[in-house]
Amino acid sequence: MKNSRLLVLGLLLVLLGSFAASRLQSGNGAIEVVDVVIAGKNGARLSALMFIPKGVSDRAPAPAVVIAHGYVNQKEVMTNFSLEFARRGYVVLAPDLSGHGGSQVIPGDGSRGVGDMLRYVHGLPFVDRNNVGLLGHSMGGWSVITAAMENRGMARTVVVAGSSQGGHEAGFMLGAPTIPMDAGFNFGVEFGKYDEFVGINYFDRKKAADFVDSHWLKGPFGTEERVVLGRAYGDFANGTGRIATQSAETHAGVHQSGTAIANVLRMFQLSSPAPLERDPMDQVWPYKEAASLVAYVGLILFMLGLLIRLLATAPFAAIVQPASARKAQSPLVYLACSMLVVTAVALLLVSLQMWAMHHLGVSETFPLMFANTSIVYFGAIQAGFLGLFVLWHFLVGRKRGETLLSYGLSTHPTVMAFSWRYLARALALAAITVAGGYALLAWVYGFWHVDVRWWMLLIRPMEPHRVVTALVYVIPFTAIFFVNNLLAFGWLRLKDFGSDLRNNLFWTLALFVVNALGVVLVIAAQMGSLYLTGQPYIGEVGYDTLMVILGNGYLPLFAVTSVVSTYCYRRTGNVYTGSLLCGLLATWMIVCYQPY
C-alpha cells in the first residue's frame, strides 16, 4: 500500500477533477456535450465539440455560434467561451481548425475549416439559421471573417478577439479579407490592451491600446474618427452593426478574462439575443478551469505513482540500484554552469528558434514546425554544454578519478558495464508508465468530453496520425533529456542533503530552476514591457512574439521532467530510465497540440 499511495491519490484527483469539470461544462445536466466529426471540402476529417442546451429541438431551434481557436491551440482552449454561450441558450460548435488537434489539413482553405463548420451548422434542424454567429480568436478571427465572406448570408454576427480584418489588403497572406459595409453581417472586435500581436493585426499601430485609431478598425466601422470603445455603430437589425471593446489583457489572456468574455457576450446580445437571460459577468468557467487543473496535476501524480508501483514489482525491481559514490560538484562550478545555462536559454529562446524556423522549417519526416524549433533550440544548448562537460572531464574530471560509472552511464551499480537487457526493462517501464497515464486520459476524454488542461497548457489524447508522428519525435526528445540528465546528475551533481525527501526536493528544484529560469526571465521581460510601455519587448513580425508565448508551455514540461528525472536517477543510479520516460512525456506533451 505504501508504494500505491501516490498512484491512488493521482487517480482520485483525475476522477474528481474531471467529474467536476464535466458537471460544470454540462451546466449540471442542462447542456449536452458531444463529439462531432465532419468531412471538409477536400474530404479532410474535421473534429469539433458541440454544446447543445436543454430544450433545443427541431420545434424550438436556437441561435448558434461557431467558435474558432487561434494558432497552436485546439478547440478545448475556447471552452470558456463555449460554456458561457451554451449557458445562455446558444448551440455552440467549437472545431479544431485545419491541421490542429483532431482535424486534418485542408490545403488552400483560408477559413481553415470554419466555412465547412458554418455550412454544417446551417444544416442542423435545431438551429435558427437566421441567427448563426461566428467567433474567432487570433488566427481563428481571420478564419471566421474569411468563412463569413465566402458564405455571404450565412452568418448574422462575426466577432473577433485579438484579431482583425484587412490582412490580405495589407499584403499579409495569413490574414483575412477586408469587410465592406455591405458585408451583410454585424461585426465586433475585442482587443486586449496589452495584446502582443498588434503589429500583425493593426499594422499602422505600435501599441494595442491605440488600435481604436487604426485604419484597419475604422474601415469596417465606416468612420474616419477614432472608434469609441463600447459605442454601437450602424444598425444591428439590418446587419451593419459594429462595436469594439477592450479588456486589460494580453493576446492569450482573453481566454482567462471574465471581462473579455463578457464583452463578447454583450456584442452577440446586440445582434442575436441569447435565449436565456444572464448577466454577462455571471460566469462559471473559472471553476471548470480549476477542476481541469486538478485533473492535470492528478494525471502527473498518477503516472509518477504508477512508476513507483512498477519499480516495486518483480519484473522491474532489477532496475533499482544505488547511485555510485561520488563527491558533489564544486559550488563554484555548479553556480557558473547554472548561470551559463540560464543565460543561454534566455538569449537564444527567440533567435535560435527563429533561425530554425527560417532555415530548417518542416519536412515530411518532421512535419511540426514548433516541435522542430524546440528540438534545435534545446538540442543546441544541451550539445554546447555537453562539449563543456567533455572538456572539463579531460582537464579536471580524470584527475579526480571520475569515470563513466561515476557519471551514471553504467547499468551496473559497482562496475562499468552496459546491458541491453537492463535498457529494455527501463524502456518497458517508461512505456508502461506513459501508457497507463494515456489510457486514463483517453477514458476521461472520451467518457466526459473534458480536457485535462489549464489555460493553454494541456495534455490530450492523440489521433492515429499524431501517434505516427510522435514515434519520430521521441528519438530527438529522448536524446535531449539524456544529455540533460547526464549533465545534471553526472557532472553537476548536488551534495547530499541528509534524507531522500530533502534530496529529491532540492535536486528537483535545482534542476527546474536551471532549465526554466531563462524562459521565465524572457516571459517576465515581455510582460513587464507590455504593462509598463504598452509594447512588447520582443516582437515586431509575429513569430518572434509567438515564441515567447509558447515559452509558457515549457514551464509545466520542465516541472514534470525535473521531478521524473530526479526520482529516476536517485532510484536507479543511472540516467537511462529518467531519460526514456522524459523523452516519452515530452513527445506526448508537445506533439499532441502542435499544428501541421
Foldseek 3Di string as FASTA:
>chain_A
DVLQPLLVQLLVLQVQLLVLLLCLLCVNVQKDKDKDWDAFPVRWIKIKIKIAGPPQDLVAAFEEEEEEEAALFFQQLLSQLVSLQVVLGHIYIRIGFDQWFPTHHDPPQLLRCVLVVLVVQCPDSRHDQQHYAYEYAHLNLQNRQQSCQVVPPRHAEREYEQAFEPLVVVVNVSGHHAQALPSFHEYEYEYEQLEQVCCSHQVVDFFSVQSQCGPRQCHLLVDNDRADAPDWGDALVRHRIYHYHYDNAYRLCLSVDLVNSLVVLVSSCRNRNGPHDDRSSPGDVVVSLVSLQSSLVSLLSSLVSLLSVVCPDDLNVLLFDAAEDDAADDPVVLVVVLVVLLVLCQVPLQVQLVCCCVPPNADPLRHFSVLRSVLRSLVVSLVVVVVVQVVCCVVPVVVVVADCRNLFNAQDRPDRDHDVSSLVSLLVSLVVSVVVSLVSQQCSCVVSVHFNDHNRQGFHHHDPVLVVSLVSQLVSQLVSQLSLLSCLPRPRNHHDPDDPVVQLVVSLVSSLCSNQVSLVVNLVQQVVCCVPPSHGPDDNPPVSVVSSVCSVNVNVLSSSLSNLQSVSCRGRNHRSSSSSNSSSVVSSSSSSGGGD
